[in-house]
Amino acid sequence: MDDSEEDKPIAVWMASSLNDIREFPEEVRREAGFKLRQVQRGEQPSDFKYMQ
């Protein structure tokens, strides 16, 4: 893994977001974790939408 693929740590979880994710069903947690890892590596998940 080179520097461009290195995960950037999540510095701050807002409010109850970490606990909320932990309460998701396992399959949903895996998908969310996969998408978060893509963002941490500077990639864009295939199904992202810009915030307005």
PDB file of N, CA and C in Angstrom:
ATOM      1  N   MET A   1       0.847  -1.178   0.000  1.00  0.00           N
ATOM      2  CA  MET A   1       0.000   0.000   0.000  1.00  0.00           C
ATOM      3  C   MET A   1       0.888   1.235   0.000  1.00  0.00           C
ATOM      4  N   ASP A   2       0.693   2.147  -0.961  1.00  0.00           N
ATOM      5  CA  ASP A   2       1.468   3.375  -0.961  1.00  0.00           C
ATOM      6  C   ASP A   2       0.712   4.453  -0.193  1.00  0.00           C
ATOM      7  N   ASP A   3       1.341   5.628  -0.034  1.00  0.00           N
ATOM      8  CA  ASP A   3       0.746   6.701   0.767  1.00  0.00           C
ATOM      9  C   ASP A   3      -0.622   7.139   0.275  1.00  0.00           C
ATOM     10  N   SER A   4      -0.882   7.081  -1.028  1.00  0.00           N
ATOM     11  CA  SER A   4      -2.159   7.529  -1.566  1.00  0.00           C
ATOM     12  C   SER A   4      -3.300   6.599  -1.175  1.00  0.00           C
ATOM     13  N   GLU A   5      -2.987   5.351  -0.809  1.00  0.00           N
ATOM     14  CA  GLU A   5      -4.019   4.405  -0.422  1.00  0.00           C
ATOM     15  C   GLU A   5      -4.145   4.271   1.091  1.00  0.00           C
ATOM     16  N   GLU A   6      -3.338   5.014   1.846  1.00  0.00           N
ATOM     17  CA  GLU A   6      -3.360   4.908   3.298  1.00  0.00           C
ATOM     18  C   GLU A   6      -4.641   5.526   3.857  1.00  0.00           C
ATOM     19  N   ASP A   7      -5.259   4.823   4.807  1.00  0.00           N
ATOM     20  CA  ASP A   7      -6.488   5.326   5.411  1.00  0.00           C
ATOM     21  C   ASP A   7      -6.216   6.579   6.234  1.00  0.00           C
ATOM     22  N   LYS A   8      -7.070   7.576   6.076  1.00  0.00           N
ATOM     23  CA  LYS A   8      -7.016   8.764   6.912  1.00  0.00           C
ATOM     24  C   LYS A   8      -7.949   8.500   8.089  1.00  0.00           C
ATOM     25  N   PRO A   9      -7.478   8.712   9.313  1.00  0.00           N
ATOM     26  CA  PRO A   9      -8.328   8.406  10.460  1.00  0.00           C
ATOM     27  C   PRO A   9      -9.542   9.323  10.527  1.00  0.00           C
ATOM     28  N   ILE A  10     -10.607   8.789  11.096  1.00  0.00           N
ATOM     29  CA  ILE A  10     -11.782   9.613  11.363  1.00  0.00           C
ATOM     30  C   ILE A  10     -11.490  10.323  12.675  1.00  0.00           C
ATOM     31  N   ALA A  11     -11.263  11.619  12.613  1.00  0.00           N
ATOM     32  CA  ALA A  11     -10.823  12.383  13.778  1.00  0.00           C
ATOM     33  C   ALA A  11     -11.939  12.575  14.795  1.00  0.00           C
ATOM     34  N   VAL A  12     -13.127  12.834  14.326  1.00  0.00           N
ATOM     35  CA  VAL A  12     -14.238  13.130  15.227  1.00  0.00           C
ATOM     36  C   VAL A  12     -15.515  12.493  14.710  1.00  0.00           C
ATOM     37  N   TRP A  13     -16.182  11.751  15.562  1.00  0.00           N
ATOM     38  CA  TRP A  13     -17.518  11.237  15.246  1.00  0.00           C
ATOM     39  C   TRP A  13     -18.492  12.257  15.809  1.00  0.00           C
ATOM     40  N   MET A  14     -19.390  12.735  14.990  1.00  0.00           N
ATOM     41  CA  MET A  14     -20.341  13.756  15.405  1.00  0.00           C
ATOM     42  C   MET A  14     -21.475  13.138  16.226  1.00  0.00           C
ATOM     43  N   ALA A  15     -21.770  13.780  17.347  1.00  0.00           N
ATOM     44  CA  ALA A  15     -22.895  13.412  18.216  1.00  0.00           C
ATOM     45  C   ALA A  15     -22.921  11.900  18.442  1.00  0.00           C
ATOM     46  N   SER A  16     -24.002  11.245  18.096  1.00  0.00           N
ATOM     47  CA  SER A  16     -24.158   9.813  18.365  1.00  0.00           C
ATOM     48  C   SER A  16     -23.864   8.953  17.139  1.00  0.00           C
ATOM     49  N   SER A  17     -23.190   9.509  16.123  1.00  0.00           N
ATOM     50  CA  SER A  17     -23.027   8.797  14.851  1.00  0.00           C
ATOM     51  C   SER A  17     -22.339   7.439  14.997  1.00  0.00           C
ATOM     52  N   LEU A  18     -21.302   7.332  15.812  1.00  0.00           N
ATOM     53  CA  LEU A  18     -20.614   6.048  15.971  1.00  0.00           C
ATOM     54  C   LEU A  18     -21.538   5.026  16.622  1.00  0.00           C
ATOM     55  N   ASN A  19     -22.231   5.420  17.674  1.00  0.00           N
ATOM     56  CA  ASN A  19     -23.177   4.503  18.324  1.00  0.00           C
ATOM     57  C   ASN A  19     -24.319   4.140  17.388  1.00  0.00           C
ATOM     58  N   ASP A  20     -24.764   5.105  16.582  1.00  0.00           N
ATOM     59  CA  ASP A  20     -25.836   4.830  15.623  1.00  0.00           C
ATOM     60  C   ASP A  20     -25.407   3.760  14.625  1.00  0.00           C
ATOM     61  N   ILE A  21     -24.203   3.893  14.097  1.00  0.00           N
ATOM     62  CA  ILE A  21     -23.698   2.907  13.134  1.00  0.00           C
ATOM     63  C   ILE A  21     -23.573   1.535  13.784  1.00  0.00           C
ATOM     64  N   ARG A  22     -23.146   1.493  15.030  1.00  0.00           N
ATOM     65  CA  ARG A  22     -23.008   0.216  15.733  1.00  0.00           C
ATOM     66  C   ARG A  22     -24.348  -0.495  15.909  1.00  0.00           C
ATOM     67  N   GLU A  23     -25.442   0.242  15.866  1.00  0.00           N
ATOM     68  CA  GLU A  23     -26.773  -0.351  16.018  1.00  0.00           C
ATOM     69  C   GLU A  23     -27.380  -0.820  14.687  1.00  0.00           C
ATOM     70  N   PHE A  24     -26.735  -0.520  13.569  1.00  0.00           N
ATOM     71  CA  PHE A  24     -27.224  -0.965  12.266  1.00  0.00           C
ATOM     72  C   PHE A  24     -27.127  -2.486  12.179  1.00  0.00           C
ATOM     73  N   PRO A  25     -27.944  -3.107  11.334  1.00  0.00           N
ATOM     74  CA  PRO A  25     -27.779  -4.542  11.059  1.00  0.00           C
ATOM     75  C   PRO A  25     -26.381  -4.797  10.476  1.00  0.00           C
ATOM     76  N   GLU A  26     -25.863  -5.991  10.685  1.00  0.00           N
ATOM     77  CA  GLU A  26     -24.487  -6.311  10.287  1.00  0.00           C
ATOM     78  C   GLU A  26     -24.191  -6.000   8.827  1.00  0.00           C
ATOM     79  N   GLU A  27     -25.069  -6.386   7.916  1.00  0.00           N
ATOM     80  CA  GLU A  27     -24.811  -6.152   6.489  1.00  0.00           C
ATOM     81  C   GLU A  27     -24.734  -4.654   6.182  1.00  0.00           C
ATOM     82  N   VAL A  28     -25.577  -3.871   6.812  1.00  0.00           N
ATOM     83  CA  VAL A  28     -25.572  -2.419   6.601  1.00  0.00           C
ATOM     84  C   VAL A  28     -24.287  -1.819   7.171  1.00  0.00           C
ATOM     85  N   ARG A  29     -23.838  -2.304   8.341  1.00  0.00           N
ATOM     86  CA  ARG A  29     -22.577  -1.825   8.933  1.00  0.00           C
ATOM     87  C   ARG A  29     -21.413  -2.111   8.006  1.00  0.00           C
ATOM     88  N   ARG A  30     -21.397  -3.302   7.415  1.00  0.00           N
ATOM     89  CA  ARG A  30     -20.301  -3.644   6.484  1.00  0.00           C
ATOM     90  C   ARG A  30     -20.284  -2.702   5.290  1.00  0.00           C
ATOM     91  N   GLU A  31     -21.455  -2.455   4.724  1.00  0.00           N
ATOM     92  CA  GLU A  31     -21.539  -1.556   3.564  1.00  0.00           C
ATOM     93  C   GLU A  31     -21.102  -0.143   3.944  1.00  0.00           C
ATOM     94  N   ALA A  32     -21.576   0.338   5.089  1.00  0.00           N
ATOM     95  CA  ALA A  32     -21.184   1.673   5.553  1.00  0.00           C
ATOM     96  C   ALA A  32     -19.683   1.729   5.806  1.00  0.00           C
ATOM     97  N   GLY A  33     -19.135   0.681   6.407  1.00  0.00           N
ATOM     98  CA  GLY A  33     -17.694   0.630   6.660  1.00  0.00           C
ATOM     99  C   GLY A  33     -16.895   0.640   5.369  1.00  0.00           C
ATOM    100  N   PHE A  34     -17.363  -0.094   4.373  1.00  0.00           N
ATOM    101  CA  PHE A  34     -16.689  -0.116   3.073  1.00  0.00           C
ATOM    102  C   PHE A  34     -16.692   1.278   2.444  1.00  0.00           C
ATOM    103  N   LYS A  35     -17.841   1.956   2.503  1.00  0.00           N
ATOM    104  CA  LYS A  35     -17.950   3.300   1.930  1.00  0.00           C
ATOM    105  C   LYS A  35     -17.072   4.293   2.695  1.00  0.00           C
ATOM    106  N   LEU A  36     -17.049   4.192   4.027  1.00  0.00           N
ATOM    107  CA  LEU A  36     -16.189   5.069   4.826  1.00  0.00           C
ATOM    108  C   LEU A  36     -14.720   4.858   4.477  1.00  0.00           C
ATOM    109  N   ARG A  37     -14.322   3.609   4.295  1.00  0.00           N
ATOM    110  CA  ARG A  37     -12.930   3.328   3.941  1.00  0.00           C
ATOM    111  C   ARG A  37     -12.581   3.932   2.578  1.00  0.00           C
ATOM    112  N   GLN A  38     -13.509   3.891   1.637  1.00  0.00           N
ATOM    113  CA  GLN A  38     -13.256   4.511   0.329  1.00  0.00           C
ATOM    114  C   GLN A  38     -13.009   6.005   0.504  1.00  0.00           C
ATOM    115  N   VAL A  39     -13.836   6.648   1.302  1.00  0.00           N
ATOM    116  CA  VAL A  39     -13.674   8.090   1.541  1.00  0.00           C
ATOM    117  C   VAL A  39     -12.353   8.359   2.248  1.00  0.00           C
ATOM    118  N   GLN A  40     -11.995   7.531   3.231  1.00  0.00           N
ATOM    119  CA  GLN A  40     -10.726   7.702   3.937  1.00  0.00           C
ATOM    120  C   GLN A  40      -9.538   7.617   2.993  1.00  0.00           C
ATOM    121  N   ARG A  41      -9.673   6.862   1.920  1.00  0.00           N
ATOM    122  CA  ARG A  41      -8.583   6.701   0.947  1.00  0.00           C
ATOM    123  C   ARG A  41      -8.649   7.725  -0.178  1.00  0.00           C
ATOM    124  N   GLY A  42      -9.581   8.674  -0.075  1.00  0.00           N
ATOM    125  CA  GLY A  42      -9.685   9.707  -1.092  1.00  0.00           C
ATOM    126  C   GLY A  42     -10.471   9.284  -2.318  1.00  0.00           C
ATOM    127  N   GLU A  43     -11.161   8.158  -2.232  1.00  0.00           N
ATOM    128  CA  GLU A  43     -11.967   7.667  -3.348  1.00  0.00           C
ATOM    129  C   GLU A  43     -13.409   8.128  -3.174  1.00  0.00           C
ATOM    130  N   GLN A  44     -14.166   8.064  -4.248  1.00  0.00           N
ATOM    131  CA  GLN A  44     -15.588   8.394  -4.178  1.00  0.00           C
ATOM    132  C   GLN A  44     -16.395   7.106  -4.296  1.00  0.00           C
ATOM    133  N   PRO A  45     -17.260   6.834  -3.318  1.00  0.00           N
ATOM    134  CA  PRO A  45     -18.134   5.675  -3.459  1.00  0.00           C
ATOM    135  C   PRO A  45     -18.969   5.796  -4.734  1.00  0.00           C
ATOM    136  N   SER A  46     -19.288   4.680  -5.334  1.00  0.00           N
ATOM    137  CA  SER A  46     -19.989   4.686  -6.618  1.00  0.00           C
ATOM    138  C   SER A  46     -21.401   5.266  -6.526  1.00  0.00           C
ATOM    139  N   ASP A  47     -21.977   5.272  -5.345  1.00  0.00           N
ATOM    140  CA  ASP A  47     -23.362   5.739  -5.208  1.00  0.00           C
ATOM    141  C   ASP A  47     -23.488   7.031  -4.395  1.00  0.00           C
ATOM    142  N   PHE A  48     -22.426   7.843  -4.350  1.00  0.00           N
ATOM    143  CA  PHE A  48     -22.473   9.073  -3.555  1.00  0.00           C
ATOM    144  C   PHE A  48     -23.331  10.126  -4.234  1.00  0.00           C
ATOM    145  N   LYS A  49     -23.808  11.071  -3.424  1.00  0.00           N
ATOM    146  CA  LYS A  49     -24.540  12.224  -3.946  1.00  0.00           C
ATOM    147  C   LYS A  49     -23.979  13.455  -3.270  1.00  0.00           C
ATOM    148  N   TYR A  50     -23.845  14.532  -4.038  1.00  0.00           N
ATOM    149  CA  TYR A  50     -23.380  15.785  -3.463  1.00  0.00           C
ATOM    150  C   TYR A  50     -24.411  16.333  -2.495  1.00  0.00           C
ATOM    151  N   MET A  51     -23.931  16.917  -1.406  1.00  0.00           N
ATOM    152  CA  MET A  51     -24.852  17.559  -0.455  1.00  0.00           C
ATOM    153  C   MET A  51     -25.205  18.941  -0.982  1.00  0.00           C
ATOM    154  N   GLN A  52     -26.419  19.357  -0.740  1.00  0.00           N
ATOM    155  CA  GLN A  52     -26.848  20.681  -1.211  1.00  0.00           C
ATOM    156  C   GLN A  52     -26.879  21.671  -0.087  1.00  0.00           C
TER     157      GLN A  52
END
